Amino acid sequence: MSAPSSYRHGLRVRIGGIDGPRGILLQCGGGAYWRVKLDRGEWIHPDRLVVDGVGDVLGGSCAQCDLPYKTTPGNPICDACDASANGPRERFDVPRPRRWNARLQRRYPNE
């Protein structure tokens, strides 16, 4: 297990490996200990954490936070460290979803 000094509150992680359950790493008890709240609602101890990211390859350990991370080949740092240094990638790469106007859809159903 990595040193807790590299943990960050609110970090998106996977437990046990790159295909493990997703969760959020949280600092609890006034900073006394760390827990992971899984997306399905369970609370567990952080064991064999992998920083969640885009891609399907285990990237070794991040050059900044020293935690293993999920990535595409060739990235030296995890997505969380990249986002803290350069801003979130989603802001530039992901197009905004089209808004669906429910009021107009009900008013003109055949158009």
N, C-alpha and C. Protein backbone atom coordinates (compact mmCIF):
# COMPACT_ATOMS: atom_id res chain seq x y z
N MET A 1 0.84 -1.18 0.00
CA MET A 1 0.00 0.00 0.00
C MET A 1 0.88 1.24 0.00
N SER A 2 0.47 2.25 -0.74
CA SER A 2 1.25 3.48 -0.84
C SER A 2 1.17 4.28 0.45
N ALA A 3 2.11 5.16 0.61
CA ALA A 3 2.13 6.00 1.81
C ALA A 3 0.93 6.93 1.80
N PRO A 4 0.23 7.08 2.94
CA PRO A 4 -0.92 7.97 3.00
C PRO A 4 -0.59 9.42 2.67
N SER A 5 0.68 9.81 2.67
CA SER A 5 1.02 11.20 2.33
C SER A 5 0.67 11.53 0.89
N SER A 6 0.53 10.52 0.03
CA SER A 6 0.17 10.77 -1.37
C SER A 6 -1.34 10.77 -1.59
N TYR A 7 -2.13 10.44 -0.57
CA TYR A 7 -3.58 10.45 -0.70
C TYR A 7 -4.09 11.88 -0.76
N ARG A 8 -5.18 12.08 -1.51
CA ARG A 8 -5.84 13.39 -1.60
C ARG A 8 -7.33 13.21 -1.37
N HIS A 9 -7.91 14.08 -0.57
CA HIS A 9 -9.33 14.02 -0.27
C HIS A 9 -10.12 14.25 -1.56
N GLY A 10 -11.07 13.36 -1.84
CA GLY A 10 -11.92 13.49 -3.01
C GLY A 10 -11.37 12.84 -4.26
N LEU A 11 -10.30 12.08 -4.15
CA LEU A 11 -9.68 11.43 -5.29
C LEU A 11 -10.54 10.26 -5.76
N ARG A 12 -10.84 10.20 -7.07
CA ARG A 12 -11.59 9.08 -7.64
C ARG A 12 -10.64 7.89 -7.77
N VAL A 13 -11.01 6.76 -7.19
CA VAL A 13 -10.15 5.59 -7.16
C VAL A 13 -10.92 4.33 -7.53
N ARG A 14 -10.16 3.28 -7.79
CA ARG A 14 -10.69 1.93 -7.92
C ARG A 14 -10.00 1.08 -6.87
N ILE A 15 -10.69 0.09 -6.36
CA ILE A 15 -10.16 -0.76 -5.30
C ILE A 15 -9.71 -2.10 -5.88
N GLY A 16 -8.48 -2.48 -5.56
CA GLY A 16 -8.00 -3.80 -5.90
C GLY A 16 -7.40 -3.97 -7.29
N GLY A 17 -7.61 -3.05 -8.17
CA GLY A 17 -7.07 -3.17 -9.52
C GLY A 17 -7.79 -2.25 -10.49
N ILE A 18 -7.43 -2.34 -11.75
CA ILE A 18 -7.95 -1.39 -12.72
C ILE A 18 -9.42 -1.64 -13.05
N ASP A 19 -9.91 -2.86 -12.80
CA ASP A 19 -11.32 -3.16 -13.04
C ASP A 19 -12.12 -3.28 -11.74
N GLY A 20 -11.53 -2.87 -10.62
CA GLY A 20 -12.20 -2.97 -9.33
C GLY A 20 -13.34 -1.97 -9.19
N PRO A 21 -14.08 -2.06 -8.10
CA PRO A 21 -15.18 -1.12 -7.88
C PRO A 21 -14.68 0.31 -7.70
N ARG A 22 -15.45 1.26 -8.21
CA ARG A 22 -15.10 2.68 -8.14
C ARG A 22 -15.55 3.28 -6.83
N GLY A 23 -14.81 4.32 -6.41
CA GLY A 23 -15.18 5.02 -5.20
C GLY A 23 -14.44 6.34 -5.09
N ILE A 24 -14.64 6.99 -3.96
CA ILE A 24 -13.99 8.27 -3.67
C ILE A 24 -13.21 8.13 -2.37
N LEU A 25 -11.95 8.54 -2.40
CA LEU A 25 -11.10 8.50 -1.22
C LEU A 25 -11.42 9.72 -0.36
N LEU A 26 -11.75 9.50 0.91
CA LEU A 26 -12.14 10.59 1.80
C LEU A 26 -11.34 10.54 3.10
N GLN A 27 -10.98 11.71 3.58
CA GLN A 27 -10.28 11.82 4.86
C GLN A 27 -11.33 11.99 5.94
N CYS A 28 -11.32 11.10 6.92
CA CYS A 28 -12.38 11.05 7.93
C CYS A 28 -11.80 11.29 9.33
N GLY A 29 -12.69 11.50 10.28
CA GLY A 29 -12.29 11.64 11.67
C GLY A 29 -11.39 12.84 11.93
N GLY A 30 -11.68 13.95 11.25
CA GLY A 30 -10.85 15.14 11.44
C GLY A 30 -9.43 14.96 10.93
N GLY A 31 -9.26 14.10 9.92
CA GLY A 31 -7.94 13.86 9.35
C GLY A 31 -7.20 12.71 9.98
N ALA A 32 -7.86 11.96 10.86
CA ALA A 32 -7.20 10.86 11.57
C ALA A 32 -7.03 9.60 10.72
N TYR A 33 -7.95 9.36 9.77
CA TYR A 33 -7.86 8.14 8.96
C TYR A 33 -8.53 8.36 7.60
N TRP A 34 -8.27 7.42 6.69
CA TRP A 34 -8.79 7.47 5.33
C TRP A 34 -9.78 6.33 5.12
N ARG A 35 -10.86 6.62 4.37
CA ARG A 35 -11.85 5.61 3.98
C ARG A 35 -12.21 5.85 2.52
N VAL A 36 -12.74 4.82 1.90
CA VAL A 36 -13.23 4.92 0.52
C VAL A 36 -14.72 4.66 0.53
N LYS A 37 -15.48 5.61 -0.03
CA LYS A 37 -16.92 5.40 -0.20
C LYS A 37 -17.14 4.94 -1.63
N LEU A 38 -17.55 3.67 -1.78
CA LEU A 38 -17.80 3.12 -3.10
C LEU A 38 -19.04 3.75 -3.72
N ASP A 39 -19.10 3.76 -5.04
CA ASP A 39 -20.26 4.33 -5.73
C ASP A 39 -21.55 3.61 -5.38
N ARG A 40 -21.45 2.35 -4.98
CA ARG A 40 -22.65 1.60 -4.60
C ARG A 40 -23.06 1.85 -3.15
N GLY A 41 -22.32 2.72 -2.42
CA GLY A 41 -22.72 3.15 -1.09
C GLY A 41 -21.96 2.55 0.07
N GLU A 42 -21.13 1.56 -0.14
CA GLU A 42 -20.39 0.94 0.95
C GLU A 42 -19.16 1.77 1.33
N TRP A 43 -18.75 1.67 2.60
CA TRP A 43 -17.53 2.30 3.10
C TRP A 43 -16.51 1.20 3.36
N ILE A 44 -15.28 1.34 2.83
CA ILE A 44 -14.23 0.35 3.05
C ILE A 44 -12.90 1.06 3.31
N HIS A 45 -11.94 0.30 3.81
CA HIS A 45 -10.60 0.83 4.02
C HIS A 45 -9.86 0.88 2.70
N PRO A 46 -9.00 1.88 2.49
CA PRO A 46 -8.25 1.96 1.23
C PRO A 46 -7.19 0.86 1.17
N ASP A 47 -7.37 -0.07 0.27
CA ASP A 47 -6.43 -1.18 0.11
C ASP A 47 -6.21 -1.39 -1.38
N ARG A 48 -4.96 -1.37 -1.81
CA ARG A 48 -4.59 -1.54 -3.21
C ARG A 48 -5.34 -0.55 -4.10
N LEU A 49 -5.20 0.74 -3.83
CA LEU A 49 -5.87 1.79 -4.59
C LEU A 49 -5.24 1.96 -5.96
N VAL A 50 -6.07 2.24 -6.94
CA VAL A 50 -5.64 2.63 -8.28
C VAL A 50 -6.40 3.90 -8.61
N VAL A 51 -5.69 4.96 -8.97
CA VAL A 51 -6.34 6.22 -9.33
C VAL A 51 -7.12 6.00 -10.62
N ASP A 52 -8.41 6.32 -10.60
CA ASP A 52 -9.27 6.11 -11.76
C ASP A 52 -8.94 7.13 -12.84
N GLY A 53 -9.08 6.73 -14.08
CA GLY A 53 -8.81 7.63 -15.19
C GLY A 53 -9.34 7.07 -16.49
N VAL A 54 -9.05 7.77 -17.56
CA VAL A 54 -9.46 7.35 -18.88
C VAL A 54 -8.45 6.34 -19.40
N GLY A 55 -8.89 5.28 -20.00
CA GLY A 55 -7.99 4.29 -20.56
C GLY A 55 -8.20 2.93 -19.95
N ASP A 56 -7.39 1.97 -20.41
CA ASP A 56 -7.55 0.60 -19.95
C ASP A 56 -6.23 -0.06 -19.61
N VAL A 57 -5.21 0.75 -19.30
CA VAL A 57 -3.87 0.24 -19.00
C VAL A 57 -3.47 0.69 -17.60
N LEU A 58 -2.83 -0.19 -16.84
CA LEU A 58 -2.28 0.20 -15.55
C LEU A 58 -0.96 0.90 -15.81
N GLY A 59 -0.86 2.17 -15.42
CA GLY A 59 0.29 3.00 -15.79
C GLY A 59 1.45 2.96 -14.82
N GLY A 60 1.60 1.95 -14.01
CA GLY A 60 2.70 1.94 -13.05
C GLY A 60 2.36 2.85 -11.89
N SER A 61 3.30 3.70 -11.50
CA SER A 61 3.00 4.68 -10.45
C SER A 61 3.20 6.08 -11.01
N CYS A 62 2.35 6.99 -10.58
CA CYS A 62 2.36 8.37 -11.07
C CYS A 62 3.66 9.06 -10.68
N ALA A 63 4.19 9.89 -11.56
CA ALA A 63 5.43 10.60 -11.29
C ALA A 63 5.25 11.66 -10.19
N GLN A 64 4.01 12.12 -9.95
CA GLN A 64 3.79 13.14 -8.93
C GLN A 64 3.28 12.56 -7.61
N CYS A 65 2.23 11.74 -7.65
CA CYS A 65 1.63 11.27 -6.39
C CYS A 65 2.08 9.87 -6.00
N ASP A 66 2.78 9.16 -6.87
CA ASP A 66 3.35 7.85 -6.59
C ASP A 66 2.30 6.76 -6.35
N LEU A 67 1.06 6.97 -6.81
CA LEU A 67 0.02 5.95 -6.73
C LEU A 67 -0.13 5.28 -8.09
N PRO A 68 -0.48 3.99 -8.15
CA PRO A 68 -0.78 3.37 -9.45
C PRO A 68 -2.02 4.03 -10.05
N TYR A 69 -2.08 4.08 -11.38
CA TYR A 69 -3.19 4.79 -12.02
C TYR A 69 -3.61 4.10 -13.30
N LYS A 70 -4.86 4.33 -13.68
CA LYS A 70 -5.46 3.80 -14.89
C LYS A 70 -5.32 4.86 -15.97
N THR A 71 -4.78 4.48 -17.15
CA THR A 71 -4.50 5.49 -18.17
C THR A 71 -4.45 4.87 -19.56
N THR A 72 -4.16 5.70 -20.54
CA THR A 72 -3.80 5.26 -21.87
C THR A 72 -2.28 5.17 -21.92
N PRO A 73 -1.70 4.36 -22.78
CA PRO A 73 -0.24 4.19 -22.79
C PRO A 73 0.50 5.52 -23.03
N GLY A 74 1.59 5.71 -22.29
CA GLY A 74 2.48 6.84 -22.52
C GLY A 74 2.29 8.05 -21.62
N ASN A 75 1.33 8.03 -20.72
CA ASN A 75 1.13 9.17 -19.82
C ASN A 75 1.95 8.98 -18.55
N PRO A 76 2.87 9.89 -18.21
CA PRO A 76 3.71 9.71 -17.02
C PRO A 76 3.02 10.04 -15.70
N ILE A 77 1.89 10.80 -15.76
CA ILE A 77 1.17 11.15 -14.53
C ILE A 77 -0.29 10.78 -14.67
N CYS A 78 -0.95 10.59 -13.53
CA CYS A 78 -2.36 10.20 -13.54
C CYS A 78 -3.23 11.39 -13.96
N ASP A 79 -4.49 11.10 -14.31
CA ASP A 79 -5.41 12.15 -14.75
C ASP A 79 -5.68 13.17 -13.66
N ALA A 80 -5.69 12.74 -12.39
CA ALA A 80 -5.94 13.67 -11.28
C ALA A 80 -4.80 14.68 -11.15
N CYS A 81 -3.56 14.22 -11.25
CA CYS A 81 -2.42 15.14 -11.17
C CYS A 81 -2.36 16.03 -12.41
N ASP A 82 -2.69 15.47 -13.57
CA ASP A 82 -2.72 16.25 -14.81
C ASP A 82 -3.79 17.34 -14.72
N ALA A 83 -4.96 17.01 -14.17
CA ALA A 83 -6.03 17.99 -14.05
C ALA A 83 -5.67 19.08 -13.04
N SER A 84 -4.97 18.74 -11.95
CA SER A 84 -4.61 19.76 -10.97
C SER A 84 -3.53 20.70 -11.54
N ALA A 85 -2.70 20.20 -12.45
CA ALA A 85 -1.65 21.04 -13.03
C ALA A 85 -2.14 21.83 -14.24
N ASN A 86 -2.97 21.20 -15.09
CA ASN A 86 -3.35 21.82 -16.37
C ASN A 86 -4.83 22.12 -16.51
N GLY A 87 -5.62 21.86 -15.50
CA GLY A 87 -7.07 22.05 -15.60
C GLY A 87 -7.71 20.77 -16.10
N PRO A 88 -9.00 20.61 -15.85
CA PRO A 88 -9.67 19.38 -16.25
C PRO A 88 -9.72 19.21 -17.76
N ARG A 89 -9.43 18.01 -18.21
CA ARG A 89 -9.40 17.71 -19.64
C ARG A 89 -10.79 17.80 -20.24
N GLU A 90 -11.83 17.45 -19.50
CA GLU A 90 -13.20 17.44 -20.02
C GLU A 90 -13.61 18.80 -20.54
N ARG A 91 -13.04 19.86 -19.97
CA ARG A 91 -13.41 21.20 -20.38
C ARG A 91 -13.07 21.43 -21.84
N PHE A 92 -12.05 20.75 -22.37
CA PHE A 92 -11.60 20.99 -23.73
C PHE A 92 -11.99 19.87 -24.70
N ASP A 93 -12.01 18.62 -24.23
CA ASP A 93 -12.17 17.49 -25.14
C ASP A 93 -13.60 17.02 -25.35
N VAL A 94 -14.45 17.15 -24.36
CA VAL A 94 -15.79 16.59 -24.44
C VAL A 94 -16.77 17.65 -24.90
N PRO A 95 -17.51 17.39 -25.99
CA PRO A 95 -18.50 18.38 -26.42
C PRO A 95 -19.65 18.46 -25.44
N ARG A 96 -20.27 19.60 -25.36
CA ARG A 96 -21.41 19.78 -24.47
C ARG A 96 -22.59 18.99 -25.00
N PRO A 97 -23.37 18.37 -24.13
CA PRO A 97 -24.54 17.63 -24.60
C PRO A 97 -25.61 18.60 -25.11
N ARG A 98 -26.37 18.14 -26.09
CA ARG A 98 -27.44 18.98 -26.61
C ARG A 98 -28.58 19.00 -25.61
N ARG A 99 -29.15 20.16 -25.44
CA ARG A 99 -30.27 20.27 -24.51
C ARG A 99 -31.55 19.86 -25.21
N TRP A 100 -32.37 19.15 -24.49
CA TRP A 100 -33.64 18.71 -25.02
C TRP A 100 -34.73 19.53 -24.36
N ASN A 101 -35.53 20.17 -25.14
CA ASN A 101 -36.58 21.03 -24.60
C ASN A 101 -37.86 20.23 -24.46
N ALA A 102 -38.16 19.83 -23.24
CA ALA A 102 -39.32 18.98 -22.98
C ALA A 102 -40.62 19.72 -23.29
N ARG A 103 -40.65 21.03 -23.04
CA ARG A 103 -41.88 21.80 -23.28
C ARG A 103 -42.22 21.80 -24.77
N LEU A 104 -41.24 22.03 -25.63
CA LEU A 104 -41.49 22.04 -27.07
C LEU A 104 -41.79 20.65 -27.59
N GLN A 105 -41.21 19.64 -27.02
CA GLN A 105 -41.46 18.27 -27.45
C GLN A 105 -42.92 17.90 -27.19
N ARG A 106 -43.48 18.32 -26.08
CA ARG A 106 -44.88 18.03 -25.77
C ARG A 106 -45.82 18.86 -26.65
N ARG A 107 -45.40 20.08 -26.94
CA ARG A 107 -46.27 20.97 -27.68
C ARG A 107 -46.37 20.56 -29.15
N TYR A 108 -45.27 20.17 -29.75
CA TYR A 108 -45.23 19.80 -31.16
C TYR A 108 -44.68 18.38 -31.32
N PRO A 109 -45.45 17.35 -31.00
CA PRO A 109 -44.91 16.00 -30.98
C PRO A 109 -44.57 15.44 -32.37
N ASN A 110 -45.14 15.97 -33.46
CA ASN A 110 -44.92 15.41 -34.79
C ASN A 110 -43.74 16.07 -35.52
N GLU A 111 -43.11 17.06 -34.97
CA GLU A 111 -42.02 17.75 -35.66
C GLU A 111 -40.68 17.23 -35.24
